């Protein structure tokens, strides 16, 4: 399974589309087998869900994400977890232990206002 976490530094990004990139964890069961960084190629509506889907992601974790991106991921069978925050290592471990659940929050403004999971 491939799990991508939207990140800024070593922290979960508050807004999926504007993050610096994605830390991708290759996971088998609850064991992390490897990880890599994918730089954000740029924020264009509808682009990132296709881009990450083509990279084989199974799960996307972010602080907040717009409704369109969430819908595009769902249409392609990618599980979206929004409302996450904290250090990447802590979040991936908590997710694998079943402790990180999506809040369902939707970013309604590109200016990072509204319900971005902050």
PDB file of N, CA and C in Angstrom:
ATOM      1  N   UNK A   1       0.843  -1.175   0.000  1.00  0.00           N
ATOM      2  CA  UNK A   1       0.000   0.000   0.000  1.00  0.00           C
ATOM      3  C   UNK A   1       0.887   1.236   0.000  1.00  0.00           C
ATOM      4  N   UNK A   2       0.453   2.259  -0.736  1.00  0.00           N
ATOM      5  CA  UNK A   2       1.170   3.533  -0.769  1.00  0.00           C
ATOM      6  C   UNK A   2       0.317   4.600  -0.093  1.00  0.00           C
ATOM      7  N   UNK A   3       0.905   5.255   0.898  1.00  0.00           N
ATOM      8  CA  UNK A   3       0.228   6.305   1.646  1.00  0.00           C
ATOM      9  C   UNK A   3       1.007   7.596   1.457  1.00  0.00           C
ATOM     10  N   UNK A   4       0.355   8.624   0.919  1.00  0.00           N
ATOM     11  CA  UNK A   4       0.995   9.922   0.709  1.00  0.00           C
ATOM     12  C   UNK A   4       0.487  10.904   1.756  1.00  0.00           C
ATOM     13  N   UNK A   5       1.416  11.592   2.397  1.00  0.00           N
ATOM     14  CA  UNK A   5       1.051  12.630   3.360  1.00  0.00           C
ATOM     15  C   UNK A   5       1.506  13.971   2.800  1.00  0.00           C
ATOM     16  N   UNK A   6       0.552  14.898   2.648  1.00  0.00           N
ATOM     17  CA  UNK A   6       0.898  16.259   2.225  1.00  0.00           C
ATOM     18  C   UNK A   6       1.738  16.879   3.326  1.00  0.00           C
ATOM     19  N   UNK A   7       2.901  17.448   2.958  1.00  0.00           N
ATOM     20  CA  UNK A   7       3.810  17.925   4.002  1.00  0.00           C
ATOM     21  C   UNK A   7       4.382  19.294   3.712  1.00  0.00           C
ATOM     22  N   UNK A   8       4.751  19.947   4.788  1.00  0.00           N
ATOM     23  CA  UNK A   8       5.545  21.174   4.795  1.00  0.00           C
ATOM     24  C   UNK A   8       6.595  20.941   5.863  1.00  0.00           C
ATOM     25  N   UNK A   9       7.851  20.807   5.454  1.00  0.00           N
ATOM     26  CA  UNK A   9       8.885  20.420   6.411  1.00  0.00           C
ATOM     27  C   UNK A   9       8.614  19.005   6.878  1.00  0.00           C
ATOM     28  N   UNK A  10       8.671  18.795   8.182  1.00  0.00           N
ATOM     29  CA  UNK A  10       8.384  17.467   8.746  1.00  0.00           C
ATOM     30  C   UNK A  10       6.981  17.386   9.327  1.00  0.00           C
ATOM     31  N   UNK A  11       6.125  18.324   8.940  1.00  0.00           N
ATOM     32  CA  UNK A  11       4.772  18.387   9.487  1.00  0.00           C
ATOM     33  C   UNK A  11       3.738  18.159   8.388  1.00  0.00           C
ATOM     34  N   UNK A  12       2.565  17.655   8.787  1.00  0.00           N
ATOM     35  CA  UNK A  12       1.446  17.513   7.849  1.00  0.00           C
ATOM     36  C   UNK A  12       1.025  18.913   7.426  1.00  0.00           C
ATOM     37  N   UNK A  13       0.864  19.102   6.127  1.00  0.00           N
ATOM     38  CA  UNK A  13       0.458  20.401   5.605  1.00  0.00           C
ATOM     39  C   UNK A  13      -1.015  20.658   5.918  1.00  0.00           C
ATOM     40  N   UNK A  14      -1.315  21.901   6.247  1.00  0.00           N
ATOM     41  CA  UNK A  14      -2.690  22.285   6.518  1.00  0.00           C
ATOM     42  C   UNK A  14      -3.549  22.351   5.273  1.00  0.00           C
ATOM     43  N   UNK A  15      -2.932  22.464   4.104  1.00  0.00           N
ATOM     44  CA  UNK A  15      -3.706  22.541   2.868  1.00  0.00           C
ATOM     45  C   UNK A  15      -3.034  21.708   1.789  1.00  0.00           C
ATOM     46  N   UNK A  16      -3.701  20.656   1.390  1.00  0.00           N
ATOM     47  CA  UNK A  16      -3.222  19.685   0.420  1.00  0.00           C
ATOM     48  C   UNK A  16      -2.619  20.314  -0.839  1.00  0.00           C
ATOM     49  N   UNK A  17      -3.342  21.183  -1.505  1.00  0.00           N
ATOM     50  CA  UNK A  17      -2.905  21.729  -2.794  1.00  0.00           C
ATOM     51  C   UNK A  17      -1.717  22.651  -2.727  1.00  0.00           C
ATOM     52  N   UNK A  18      -1.467  23.227  -1.562  1.00  0.00           N
ATOM     53  CA  UNK A  18      -0.392  24.205  -1.435  1.00  0.00           C
ATOM     54  C   UNK A  18       0.798  23.684  -0.638  1.00  0.00           C
ATOM     55  N   UNK A  19       0.868  22.377  -0.422  1.00  0.00           N
ATOM     56  CA  UNK A  19       1.983  21.805   0.339  1.00  0.00           C
ATOM     57  C   UNK A  19       3.266  21.828  -0.493  1.00  0.00           C
ATOM     58  N   UNK A  20       4.409  21.638   0.167  1.00  0.00           N
ATOM     59  CA  UNK A  20       5.678  21.586  -0.569  1.00  0.00           C
ATOM     60  C   UNK A  20       5.817  20.287  -1.341  1.00  0.00           C
ATOM     61  N   UNK A  21       5.156  19.249  -0.850  1.00  0.00           N
ATOM     62  CA  UNK A  21       5.225  17.958  -1.515  1.00  0.00           C
ATOM     63  C   UNK A  21       4.563  16.877  -0.688  1.00  0.00           C
ATOM     64  N   UNK A  22       4.848  15.632  -1.043  1.00  0.00           N
ATOM     65  CA  UNK A  22       4.194  14.486  -0.436  1.00  0.00           C
ATOM     66  C   UNK A  22       5.226  13.470   0.013  1.00  0.00           C
ATOM     67  N   UNK A  23       5.158  13.081   1.266  1.00  0.00           N
ATOM     68  CA  UNK A  23       5.988  11.991   1.771  1.00  0.00           C
ATOM     69  C   UNK A  23       5.190  10.720   1.507  1.00  0.00           C
ATOM     70  N   UNK A  24       5.758   9.838   0.726  1.00  0.00           N
ATOM     71  CA  UNK A  24       5.063   8.616   0.324  1.00  0.00           C
ATOM     72  C   UNK A  24       5.658   7.443   1.097  1.00  0.00           C
ATOM     73  N   UNK A  25       4.816   6.781   1.853  1.00  0.00           N
ATOM     74  CA  UNK A  25       5.226   5.626   2.650  1.00  0.00           C
ATOM     75  C   UNK A  25       4.741   4.364   1.951  1.00  0.00           C
ATOM     76  N   UNK A  26       5.651   3.434   1.704  1.00  0.00           N
ATOM     77  CA  UNK A  26       5.304   2.120   1.180  1.00  0.00           C
ATOM     78  C   UNK A  26       5.117   1.219   2.384  1.00  0.00           C
ATOM     79  N   UNK A  27       3.917   0.688   2.531  1.00  0.00           N
ATOM     80  CA  UNK A  27       3.537  -0.015   3.747  1.00  0.00           C
ATOM     81  C   UNK A  27       3.055  -1.428   3.422  1.00  0.00           C
ATOM     82  N   UNK A  28       3.465  -2.363   4.265  1.00  0.00           N
ATOM     83  CA  UNK A  28       2.970  -3.743   4.195  1.00  0.00           C
ATOM     84  C   UNK A  28       2.400  -4.058   5.571  1.00  0.00           C
ATOM     85  N   UNK A  29       1.069  -4.155   5.654  1.00  0.00           N
ATOM     86  CA  UNK A  29       0.428  -4.331   6.953  1.00  0.00           C
ATOM     87  C   UNK A  29       0.630  -3.064   7.777  1.00  0.00           C
ATOM     88  N   UNK A  30       1.311  -3.210   8.917  1.00  0.00           N
ATOM     89  CA  UNK A  30       1.620  -2.048   9.762  1.00  0.00           C
ATOM     90  C   UNK A  30       3.096  -1.684   9.685  1.00  0.00           C
ATOM     91  N   UNK A  31       3.816  -2.298   8.750  1.00  0.00           N
ATOM     92  CA  UNK A  31       5.258  -2.082   8.657  1.00  0.00           C
ATOM     93  C   UNK A  31       5.602  -1.169   7.480  1.00  0.00           C
ATOM     94  N   UNK A  32       6.371  -0.123   7.766  1.00  0.00           N
ATOM     95  CA  UNK A  32       6.840   0.791   6.728  1.00  0.00           C
ATOM     96  C   UNK A  32       8.038   0.139   6.048  1.00  0.00           C
ATOM     97  N   UNK A  33       7.919  -0.103   4.753  1.00  0.00           N
ATOM     98  CA  UNK A  33       8.965  -0.779   3.981  1.00  0.00           C
ATOM     99  C   UNK A  33       9.904   0.209   3.292  1.00  0.00           C
ATOM    100  N   UNK A  34       9.458   1.441   3.131  1.00  0.00           N
ATOM    101  CA  UNK A  34      10.273   2.455   2.476  1.00  0.00           C
ATOM    102  C   UNK A  34       9.500   3.754   2.385  1.00  0.00           C
ATOM    103  N   UNK A  35      10.196   4.797   1.970  1.00  0.00           N
ATOM    104  CA  UNK A  35       9.557   6.096   1.814  1.00  0.00           C
ATOM    105  C   UNK A  35      10.314   6.926   0.805  1.00  0.00           C
ATOM    106  N   UNK A  36       9.587   7.851   0.187  1.00  0.00           N
ATOM    107  CA  UNK A  36      10.196   8.744  -0.785  1.00  0.00           C
ATOM    108  C   UNK A  36       9.446  10.071  -0.760  1.00  0.00           C
ATOM    109  N   UNK A  37      10.072  11.086  -1.308  1.00  0.00           N
ATOM    110  CA  UNK A  37       9.474  12.413  -1.367  1.00  0.00           C
ATOM    111  C   UNK A  37       9.097  12.740  -2.809  1.00  0.00           C
ATOM    112  N   UNK A  38       7.874  13.209  -3.003  1.00  0.00           N
ATOM    113  CA  UNK A  38       7.435  13.710  -4.300  1.00  0.00           C
ATOM    114  C   UNK A  38       7.159  15.198  -4.155  1.00  0.00           C
ATOM    115  N   UNK A  39       7.891  16.014  -4.880  1.00  0.00           N
ATOM    116  CA  UNK A  39       7.670  17.454  -4.822  1.00  0.00           C
ATOM    117  C   UNK A  39       6.328  17.790  -5.462  1.00  0.00           C
ATOM    118  N   UNK A  40       5.633  18.760  -4.893  1.00  0.00           N
ATOM    119  CA  UNK A  40       4.367  19.223  -5.443  1.00  0.00           C
ATOM    120  C   UNK A  40       4.662  19.888  -6.787  1.00  0.00           C
ATOM    121  N   UNK A  41       4.128  19.358  -7.883  1.00  0.00           N
ATOM    122  CA  UNK A  41       4.400  19.937  -9.196  1.00  0.00           C
ATOM    123  C   UNK A  41       3.616  21.218  -9.475  1.00  0.00           C
ATOM    124  N   UNK A  42       2.796  21.630  -8.536  1.00  0.00           N
ATOM    125  CA  UNK A  42       2.050  22.873  -8.695  1.00  0.00           C
ATOM    126  C   UNK A  42       0.567  22.673  -8.467  1.00  0.00           C
ATOM    127  N   UNK A  43      -0.082  23.715  -7.986  1.00  0.00           N
ATOM    128  CA  UNK A  43      -1.502  23.646  -7.661  1.00  0.00           C
ATOM    129  C   UNK A  43      -2.316  24.106  -8.857  1.00  0.00           C
ATOM    130  N   UNK A  44      -2.992  23.155  -9.472  1.00  0.00           N
ATOM    131  CA  UNK A  44      -3.947  23.439 -10.531  1.00  0.00           C
ATOM    132  C   UNK A  44      -5.177  22.601 -10.194  1.00  0.00           C
ATOM    133  N   UNK A  45      -6.356  23.193 -10.144  1.00  0.00           N
ATOM    134  CA  UNK A  45      -7.544  22.429  -9.775  1.00  0.00           C
ATOM    135  C   UNK A  45      -7.675  21.130 -10.576  1.00  0.00           C
ATOM    136  N   UNK A  46      -7.845  20.029  -9.842  1.00  0.00           N
ATOM    137  CA  UNK A  46      -8.043  18.726 -10.452  1.00  0.00           C
ATOM    138  C   UNK A  46      -6.786  17.983 -10.862  1.00  0.00           C
ATOM    139  N   UNK A  47      -5.632  18.647 -10.869  1.00  0.00           N
ATOM    140  CA  UNK A  47      -4.399  18.011 -11.338  1.00  0.00           C
ATOM    141  C   UNK A  47      -3.808  17.028 -10.332  1.00  0.00           C
ATOM    142  N   UNK A  48      -3.664  17.447  -9.078  1.00  0.00           N
ATOM    143  CA  UNK A  48      -2.987  16.604  -8.086  1.00  0.00           C
ATOM    144  C   UNK A  48      -3.672  15.257  -7.846  1.00  0.00           C
ATOM    145  N   UNK A  49      -4.994  15.177  -7.793  1.00  0.00           N
ATOM    146  CA  UNK A  49      -5.600  13.851  -7.636  1.00  0.00           C
ATOM    147  C   UNK A  49      -5.240  12.899  -8.779  1.00  0.00           C
ATOM    148  N   UNK A  50      -5.219  13.401 -10.014  1.00  0.00           N
ATOM    149  CA  UNK A  50      -4.823  12.546 -11.144  1.00  0.00           C
ATOM    150  C   UNK A  50      -3.348  12.165 -11.036  1.00  0.00           C
ATOM    151  N   UNK A  51      -2.504  13.148 -10.745  1.00  0.00           N
ATOM    152  CA  UNK A  51      -1.059  12.933 -10.627  1.00  0.00           C
ATOM    153  C   UNK A  51      -0.744  11.867  -9.570  1.00  0.00           C
ATOM    154  N   UNK A  52      -1.319  12.023  -8.393  1.00  0.00           N
ATOM    155  CA  UNK A  52      -1.049  11.065  -7.314  1.00  0.00           C
ATOM    156  C   UNK A  52      -1.695   9.709  -7.585  1.00  0.00           C
ATOM    157  N   UNK A  53      -2.851   9.720  -8.230  1.00  0.00           N
ATOM    158  CA  UNK A  53      -3.488   8.461  -8.617  1.00  0.00           C
ATOM    159  C   UNK A  53      -2.623   7.679  -9.592  1.00  0.00           C
ATOM    160  N   UNK A  54      -2.016   8.392 -10.547  1.00  0.00           N
ATOM    161  CA  UNK A  54      -1.131   7.750 -11.514  1.00  0.00           C
ATOM    162  C   UNK A  54       0.125   7.187 -10.848  1.00  0.00           C
ATOM    163  N   UNK A  55       0.488   7.754  -9.702  1.00  0.00           N
ATOM    164  CA  UNK A  55       1.652   7.266  -8.953  1.00  0.00           C
ATOM    165  C   UNK A  55       1.288   6.075  -8.062  1.00  0.00           C
ATOM    166  N   UNK A  56       0.027   5.664  -8.088  1.00  0.00           N
ATOM    167  CA  UNK A  56      -0.397   4.462  -7.378  1.00  0.00           C
ATOM    168  C   UNK A  56      -0.727   4.635  -5.910  1.00  0.00           C
ATOM    169  N   UNK A  57      -1.101   5.846  -5.496  1.00  0.00           N
ATOM    170  CA  UNK A  57      -1.433   6.065  -4.090  1.00  0.00           C
ATOM    171  C   UNK A  57      -2.739   5.373  -3.726  1.00  0.00           C
ATOM    172  N   UNK A  58      -2.763   4.810  -2.519  1.00  0.00           N
ATOM    173  CA  UNK A  58      -3.971   4.184  -1.988  1.00  0.00           C
ATOM    174  C   UNK A  58      -4.663   5.079  -0.976  1.00  0.00           C
ATOM    175  N   UNK A  59      -3.867   5.898  -0.263  1.00  0.00           N
ATOM    176  CA  UNK A  59      -4.384   6.771   0.792  1.00  0.00           C
ATOM    177  C   UNK A  59      -3.671   8.114   0.681  1.00  0.00           C
ATOM    178  N   UNK A  60      -4.420   9.198   0.882  1.00  0.00           N
ATOM    179  CA  UNK A  60      -3.865  10.553   0.941  1.00  0.00           C
ATOM    180  C   UNK A  60      -4.244  11.124   2.293  1.00  0.00           C
ATOM    181  N   UNK A  61      -3.251  11.655   3.011  1.00  0.00           N
ATOM    182  CA  UNK A  61      -3.491  12.267   4.318  1.00  0.00           C
ATOM    183  C   UNK A  61      -3.084  13.738   4.225  1.00  0.00           C
ATOM    184  N   UNK A  62      -3.945  14.632   4.712  1.00  0.00           N
ATOM    185  CA  UNK A  62      -3.658  16.069   4.701  1.00  0.00           C
ATOM    186  C   UNK A  62      -4.405  16.745   5.837  1.00  0.00           C
ATOM    187  N   UNK A  63      -4.008  17.968   6.110  1.00  0.00           N
ATOM    188  CA  UNK A  63      -4.732  18.751   7.100  1.00  0.00           C
ATOM    189  C   UNK A  63      -6.085  19.160   6.564  1.00  0.00           C
ATOM    190  N   UNK A  64      -6.102  19.649   5.337  1.00  0.00           N
ATOM    191  CA  UNK A  64      -7.335  20.072   4.701  1.00  0.00           C
ATOM    192  C   UNK A  64      -7.245  19.873   3.209  1.00  0.00           C
ATOM    193  N   UNK A  65      -8.404  19.772   2.569  1.00  0.00           N
ATOM    194  CA  UNK A  65      -8.454  19.529   1.127  1.00  0.00           C
ATOM    195  C   UNK A  65      -9.805  20.000   0.611  1.00  0.00           C
ATOM    196  N   UNK A  66      -9.805  20.551  -0.584  1.00  0.00           N
ATOM    197  CA  UNK A  66     -11.037  21.007  -1.195  1.00  0.00           C
ATOM    198  C   UNK A  66     -11.952  19.867  -1.583  1.00  0.00           C
ATOM    199  N   UNK A  67     -13.228  20.187  -1.734  1.00  0.00           N
ATOM    200  CA  UNK A  67     -14.237  19.180  -2.056  1.00  0.00           C
ATOM    201  C   UNK A  67     -13.973  18.503  -3.395  1.00  0.00           C
ATOM    202  N   UNK A  68     -13.550  19.266  -4.399  1.00  0.00           N
ATOM    203  CA  UNK A  68     -13.320  18.684  -5.723  1.00  0.00           C
ATOM    204  C   UNK A  68     -12.210  17.647  -5.667  1.00  0.00           C
ATOM    205  N   UNK A  69     -11.113  17.969  -4.996  1.00  0.00           N
ATOM    206  CA  UNK A  69     -10.012  17.004  -4.878  1.00  0.00           C
ATOM    207  C   UNK A  69     -10.485  15.746  -4.155  1.00  0.00           C
ATOM    208  N   UNK A  70     -11.247  15.917  -3.077  1.00  0.00           N
ATOM    209  CA  UNK A  70     -11.738  14.755  -2.335  1.00  0.00           C
ATOM    210  C   UNK A  70     -12.632  13.886  -3.222  1.00  0.00           C
ATOM    211  N   UNK A  71     -13.479  14.524  -4.029  1.00  0.00           N
ATOM    212  CA  UNK A  71     -14.369  13.788  -4.918  1.00  0.00           C
ATOM    213  C   UNK A  71     -13.585  13.040  -5.991  1.00  0.00           C
ATOM    214  N   UNK A  72     -12.553  13.685  -6.562  1.00  0.00           N
ATOM    215  CA  UNK A  72     -11.746  13.043  -7.598  1.00  0.00           C
ATOM    216  C   UNK A  72     -10.995  11.834  -7.045  1.00  0.00           C
ATOM    217  N   UNK A  73     -10.461  11.965  -5.833  1.00  0.00           N
ATOM    218  CA  UNK A  73      -9.798  10.814  -5.218  1.00  0.00           C
ATOM    219  C   UNK A  73     -10.798   9.673  -5.004  1.00  0.00           C
ATOM    220  N   UNK A  74     -11.976   9.994  -4.478  1.00  0.00           N
ATOM    221  CA  UNK A  74     -12.991   8.975  -4.201  1.00  0.00           C
ATOM    222  C   UNK A  74     -13.400   8.252  -5.488  1.00  0.00           C
ATOM    223  N   UNK A  75     -13.546   9.005  -6.575  1.00  0.00           N
ATOM    224  CA  UNK A  75     -13.922   8.410  -7.855  1.00  0.00           C
ATOM    225  C   UNK A  75     -12.874   7.403  -8.332  1.00  0.00           C
ATOM    226  N   UNK A  76     -11.627   7.596  -7.900  1.00  0.00           N
ATOM    227  CA  UNK A  76     -10.534   6.717  -8.320  1.00  0.00           C
ATOM    228  C   UNK A  76     -10.139   5.710  -7.249  1.00  0.00           C
ATOM    229  N   UNK A  77     -10.986   5.553  -6.228  1.00  0.00           N
ATOM    230  CA  UNK A  77     -10.749   4.548  -5.202  1.00  0.00           C
ATOM    231  C   UNK A  77      -9.613   4.854  -4.243  1.00  0.00           C
ATOM    232  N   UNK A  78      -9.245   6.135  -4.125  1.00  0.00           N
ATOM    233  CA  UNK A  78      -8.186   6.538  -3.199  1.00  0.00           C
ATOM    234  C   UNK A  78      -8.839   7.058  -1.925  1.00  0.00           C
ATOM    235  N   UNK A  79      -8.458   6.505  -0.785  1.00  0.00           N
ATOM    236  CA  UNK A  79      -9.008   6.914   0.509  1.00  0.00           C
ATOM    237  C   UNK A  79      -8.394   8.249   0.931  1.00  0.00           C
ATOM    238  N   UNK A  80      -9.224   9.194   1.327  1.00  0.00           N
ATOM    239  CA  UNK A  80      -8.770  10.518   1.759  1.00  0.00           C
ATOM    240  C   UNK A  80      -8.966  10.662   3.259  1.00  0.00           C
ATOM    241  N   UNK A  81      -7.913  11.102   3.934  1.00  0.00           N
ATOM    242  CA  UNK A  81      -7.975  11.390   5.363  1.00  0.00           C
ATOM    243  C   UNK A  81      -7.615  12.859   5.539  1.00  0.00           C
ATOM    244  N   UNK A  82      -8.579  13.669   5.959  1.00  0.00           N
ATOM    245  CA  UNK A  82      -8.330  15.088   6.210  1.00  0.00           C
ATOM    246  C   UNK A  82      -8.531  15.382   7.690  1.00  0.00           C
ATOM    247  N   UNK A  83      -7.940  16.484   8.125  1.00  0.00           N
ATOM    248  CA  UNK A  83      -8.017  16.864   9.528  1.00  0.00           C
ATOM    249  C   UNK A  83      -6.812  16.402  10.323  1.00  0.00           C
ATOM    250  N   UNK A  84      -5.833  15.799   9.639  1.00  0.00           N
ATOM    251  CA  UNK A  84      -4.628  15.329  10.323  1.00  0.00           C
ATOM    252  C   UNK A  84      -3.691  16.498  10.610  1.00  0.00           C
ATOM    253  N   UNK A  85      -2.910  16.368  11.663  1.00  0.00           N
ATOM    254  CA  UNK A  85      -1.906  17.381  11.975  1.00  0.00           C
ATOM    255  C   UNK A  85      -0.799  16.739  12.779  1.00  0.00           C
ATOM    256  N   UNK A  86       0.365  17.386  12.745  1.00  0.00           N
ATOM    257  CA  UNK A  86       1.486  16.910  13.535  1.00  0.00           C
ATOM    258  C   UNK A  86       2.660  16.453  12.694  1.00  0.00           C
ATOM    259  N   UNK A  87       3.604  15.843  13.363  1.00  0.00           N
ATOM    260  CA  UNK A  87       4.836  15.330  12.780  1.00  0.00           C
ATOM    261  C   UNK A  87       4.521  14.129  11.885  1.00  0.00           C
ATOM    262  N   UNK A  88       5.167  14.064  10.729  1.00  0.00           N
ATOM    263  CA  UNK A  88       4.896  12.983   9.766  1.00  0.00           C
ATOM    264  C   UNK A  88       5.035  11.595  10.365  1.00  0.00           C
ATOM    265  N   UNK A  89       6.123  11.357  11.082  1.00  0.00           N
ATOM    266  CA  UNK A  89       6.362  10.028  11.648  1.00  0.00           C
ATOM    267  C   UNK A  89       5.280   9.647  12.649  1.00  0.00           C
ATOM    268  N   UNK A  90       4.861  10.610  13.463  1.00  0.00           N
ATOM    269  CA  UNK A  90       3.799  10.340  14.434  1.00  0.00           C
ATOM    270  C   UNK A  90       2.482  10.039  13.724  1.00  0.00           C
ATOM    271  N   UNK A  91       2.177  10.818  12.688  1.00  0.00           N
ATOM    272  CA  UNK A  91       0.911  10.652  11.985  1.00  0.00           C
ATOM    273  C   UNK A  91       0.859   9.305  11.263  1.00  0.00           C
ATOM    274  N   UNK A  92       1.930   8.916  10.579  1.00  0.00           N
ATOM    275  CA  UNK A  92       1.895   7.632   9.863  1.00  0.00           C
ATOM    276  C   UNK A  92       1.781   6.473  10.855  1.00  0.00           C
ATOM    277  N   UNK A  93       2.487   6.549  11.974  1.00  0.00           N
ATOM    278  CA  UNK A  93       2.390   5.485  12.976  1.00  0.00           C
ATOM    279  C   UNK A  93       0.981   5.410  13.558  1.00  0.00           C
ATOM    280  N   UNK A  94       0.403   6.571  13.870  1.00  0.00           N
ATOM    281  CA  UNK A  94      -0.958   6.597  14.407  1.00  0.00           C
ATOM    282  C   UNK A  94      -1.964   6.106  13.374  1.00  0.00           C
ATOM    283  N   UNK A  95      -1.756   6.453  12.101  1.00  0.00           N
ATOM    284  CA  UNK A  95      -2.652   5.978  11.051  1.00  0.00           C
ATOM    285  C   UNK A  95      -2.595   4.453  10.949  1.00  0.00           C
ATOM    286  N   UNK A  96      -1.394   3.902  10.952  1.00  0.00           N
ATOM    287  CA  UNK A  96      -1.241   2.449  10.834  1.00  0.00           C
ATOM    288  C   UNK A  96      -1.820   1.720  12.047  1.00  0.00           C
ATOM    289  N   UNK A  97      -1.868   2.403  13.191  1.00  0.00           N
ATOM    290  CA  UNK A  97      -2.466   1.817  14.393  1.00  0.00           C
ATOM    291  C   UNK A  97      -3.983   2.058  14.454  1.00  0.00           C
ATOM    292  N   UNK A  98      -4.542   2.691  13.408  1.00  0.00           N
ATOM    293  CA  UNK A  98      -5.979   2.933  13.357  1.00  0.00           C
ATOM    294  C   UNK A  98      -6.450   4.112  14.178  1.00  0.00           C
ATOM    295  N   UNK A  99      -5.516   4.986  14.571  1.00  0.00           N
ATOM    296  CA  UNK A  99      -5.868   6.113  15.437  1.00  0.00           C
ATOM    297  C   UNK A  99      -6.132   7.414  14.692  1.00  0.00           C
ATOM    298  N   UNK A 100      -5.850   7.467  13.399  1.00  0.00           N
ATOM    299  CA  UNK A 100      -6.078   8.685  12.621  1.00  0.00           C
ATOM    300  C   UNK A 100      -7.268   8.428  11.710  1.00  0.00           C
ATOM    301  N   UNK A 101      -8.328   9.189  11.922  1.00  0.00           N
ATOM    302  CA  UNK A 101      -9.545   9.083  11.122  1.00  0.00           C
ATOM    303  C   UNK A 101      -9.825  10.435  10.472  1.00  0.00           C
ATOM    304  N   UNK A 102     -10.442  10.395   9.326  1.00  0.00           N
ATOM    305  CA  UNK A 102     -10.774  11.628   8.622  1.00  0.00           C
ATOM    306  C   UNK A 102     -11.867  12.391   9.368  1.00  0.00           C
ATOM    307  N   UNK A 103     -11.688  13.712   9.446  1.00  0.00           N
ATOM    308  CA  UNK A 103     -12.721  14.560  10.037  1.00  0.00           C
ATOM    309  C   UNK A 103     -13.755  14.961   8.995  1.00  0.00           C
ATOM    310  N   UNK A 104     -13.405  14.739   7.708  1.00  0.00           N
ATOM    311  CA  UNK A 104     -14.314  15.114   6.632  1.00  0.00           C
ATOM    312  C   UNK A 104     -14.318  16.599   6.333  1.00  0.00           C
ATOM    313  N   UNK A 105     -13.396  17.362   6.949  1.00  0.00           N
ATOM    314  CA  UNK A 105     -13.379  18.809   6.738  1.00  0.00           C
ATOM    315  C   UNK A 105     -13.054  19.133   5.286  1.00  0.00           C
ATOM    316  N   UNK A 106     -13.664  20.187   4.801  1.00  0.00           N
ATOM    317  CA  UNK A 106     -13.480  20.619   3.423  1.00  0.00           C
ATOM    318  C   UNK A 106     -12.972  22.048   3.422  1.00  0.00           C
ATOM    319  N   UNK A 107     -11.870  22.282   2.698  1.00  0.00           N
ATOM    320  CA  UNK A 107     -11.375  23.651   2.519  1.00  0.00           C
ATOM    321  C   UNK A 107     -12.304  24.336   1.531  1.00  0.00           C
ATOM    322  N   UNK A 108     -12.814  25.488   1.918  1.00  0.00           N
ATOM    323  CA  UNK A 108     -13.735  26.198   1.042  1.00  0.00           C
ATOM    324  C   UNK A 108     -13.114  27.435   0.424  1.00  0.00           C
ATOM    325  N   UNK A 109     -11.939  27.806   0.857  1.00  0.00           N
ATOM    326  CA  UNK A 109     -11.260  29.000   0.332  1.00  0.00           C
ATOM    327  C   UNK A 109      -9.837  28.658  -0.035  1.00  0.00           C
ATOM    328  N   UNK A 110      -9.377  29.129  -1.165  1.00  0.00           N
ATOM    329  CA  UNK A 110      -7.984  28.918  -1.521  1.00  0.00           C
ATOM    330  C   UNK A 110      -7.042  29.766  -0.685  1.00  0.00           C
ATOM    331  N   UNK A 111      -7.598  30.690   0.070  1.00  0.00           N
ATOM    332  CA  UNK A 111      -6.781  31.529   0.953  1.00  0.00           C
ATOM    333  C   UNK A 111      -6.556  30.860   2.292  1.00  0.00           C
ATOM    334  N   UNK A 112      -6.838  29.541   2.380  1.00  0.00           N
ATOM    335  CA  UNK A 112      -6.608  28.759   3.583  1.00  0.00           C
ATOM    336  C   UNK A 112      -7.522  29.152   4.737  1.00  0.00           C
ATOM    337  N   UNK A 113      -8.656  29.752   4.438  1.00  0.00           N
ATOM    338  CA  UNK A 113      -9.613  30.072   5.490  1.00  0.00           C
ATOM    339  C   UNK A 113     -10.720  29.048   5.460  1.00  0.00           C
ATOM    340  N   UNK A 114     -11.591  29.105   6.405  1.00  0.00           N
ATOM    341  CA  UNK A 114     -12.701  28.161   6.426  1.00  0.00           C
ATOM    342  C   UNK A 114     -12.353  26.926   7.223  1.00  0.00           C
ATOM    343  N   UNK A 115     -12.645  25.754   6.663  1.00  0.00           N
ATOM    344  CA  UNK A 115     -12.475  24.502   7.400  1.00  0.00           C
ATOM    345  C   UNK A 115     -11.299  23.702   6.888  1.00  0.00           C
ATOM    346  N   UNK A 116     -10.093  24.205   7.009  1.00  0.00           N
ATOM    347  CA  UNK A 116      -8.896  23.516   6.512  1.00  0.00           C
ATOM    348  C   UNK A 116      -8.280  22.607   7.540  1.00  0.00           C
ATOM    349  N   UNK A 117      -8.961  22.321   8.597  1.00  0.00           N
ATOM    350  CA  UNK A 117      -8.435  21.387   9.581  1.00  0.00           C
ATOM    351  C   UNK A 117      -7.409  21.991  10.518  1.00  0.00           C
ATOM    352  N   UNK A 118      -7.353  23.322  10.562  1.00  0.00           N
ATOM    353  CA  UNK A 118      -6.373  23.976  11.458  1.00  0.00           C
ATOM    354  C   UNK A 118      -6.893  24.016  12.862  1.00  0.00           C
TER     355      UNK A 118
END
